[in-house]
Amino acid sequence: MTGNSRSSSLLNIFGRYKHTPWRGGYSLSRLFLSFYLLVMGSFVVVAFVADFVISSALKGITDDYTSRFMRGTIVLIEDALFQKPRSEWSTLIKELDSQFSYRLNIVNRWSLKLKPKQAEKLDAGELVVDSDGDIIYHRLKQTPQILVVGPFTPDANSDRPRAMPFDLRIRLLTWSLIGLFVAVAVWFWVRPFWRDLEALRKTARALGEGHFERRAPEAKSSAFDLLTETMNGMAERIQRLIASQKELSSAISHELRTPISRMRFALEMLAETPEKEERERLWQMMEEDLDELDELIESSLAYSRFEREQPEPHLKSIEFATWLTEEVDSLRILSRNLELSIDTSALPAGQCVELDLKSMPYAITNLLRNALKYAKKRIVVSAEVVGRNIRVHVDDDGIGIPPDERQRVFTAFIRLDRSRDRTTGGYGLGLAIVRLVMEQHGGTAFADDSPIGGARFTLSWPLLQSVTQS
């Protein structure tokens, strides 16, 4: 498959993709209505349940109070009735009814449908209050006649009808005022929520459209402070990672061209050259190019992993002099004819240092590889304690680094012009990885002049970083 066909296939794949249209924003009225109905509904349910519980608990007390309050009046009415013949009771009760604000009536015992306990009390001569607490029944001595007093509520009096019962009007007025107060409270509570939700939605939409510089404004409601901070941190990290990936991809694609071009040229020459020595030279050239590509891939993956994940260091306290000596000895085979020495005499005996055993070897190895490229005769690795920090120095007697370039060398894919030959070229990732490892350990890496004439690279990080220190 040719490059053009691959490109057309990719275009076909991406050409079929259609971005799903963004939905509209949050509706303030809908959000307000949802919260209002939830709050008001919950309040009404709680109010009715509480009213039912309280009414049930106080019913016995209320009935007893009503009975005692009306007993004197009922006894007087009863005495007035028994002063007249029974045939005149209906006339007398009508006269008395006109003098009271509530109804008075006499009915037969058999016409009443009462609960067993109420019927038992009524037959015993006690006052009985109906279930609504609005009517009192009293048996007129041993007769089958029952005195009915009430209803006491004016609205229950059929002689004086009203458009709306008084208690209903009071309830409606009360609930209207409560509903109004709740609506005002919910409005002032929901509006900051809506503004924060809308701001976060717009920010998320901008990030989804690729505007990674967009940030959410400061939250008006404290409930969204943490979410806003988290989203802005996420946007910052995404922006940095994408910029890093773009830079990495661009730099890698640029770096791949040279060895690939050399390999393509060597393959063409190999097909046309019958001489054995020339063919071996070309094979050797391609092997070197493959090694160069392998080094580029390994360095790029390591840098990308540190830059992308920023893993938390798994710190372990170790005897530093022994560990540093082992790390230097593991690379001694690469020193060729160079003198590679290590000096830990400035460290206190048995000095322990906390470090990540997976990432710190990257920093030491990359510094040593860098020194091996530029040293002429000597490389000296030394360590010392300065204040609360451990410092590791890697000195070489090479060409050194100009003062104005000493910070730039720790940036990814930054190489000095004099290092662009094949033997010392590199890709500008080794020292960038060193910087990331030091940031992981809460330390720094910097370059300076070496006492032996070349460059000195120094790693500095705290001796102890754990919460619990021995």
Foldseek 3Di string as FASTA:
>chain_A
DDPVVVVVVVCVVVVVDDDDDDDDADDLVVLLVVVLCVVLVVVVVVVVVVVVVVCVVCVVVLLVVVQVVCVVVVVVLLVVCVVDDVVCNQVVLVVVQVVDLWGKDKDFQVVDDDDPVQNVCQCVQGWHADPVNQWIWGDSPNDRIIIITGRPQNCVDPVDHDPDGPVVVVVVVVSVVVSVVSSVVSSVVVVLVSVQRRQVVVQVVCVVVPVLVDARDQRPDPVCRVVRVVVRVVSVLVVQLVVVVVVLVVLLVVVLVVLVVLLVVLVVVLVVDPDPVSNVVSVVSNVLSVVVNVLSVVLSVLLSCLSNPVDQAPKDKDQPVVVLVVLQVVCPVVLVQAAEEEEAPQEPPSQIFIGRPPQVSLLVVLLVVLQSLFADHYWYWYWHDDDQKIKIKIDGQGAADDPVCWVVLLDFQDDDPVQCDPSRNDRSRSSVSNQSRLVSQVWGWTKDADPNHYIMIMTMHGRDDDPDDD
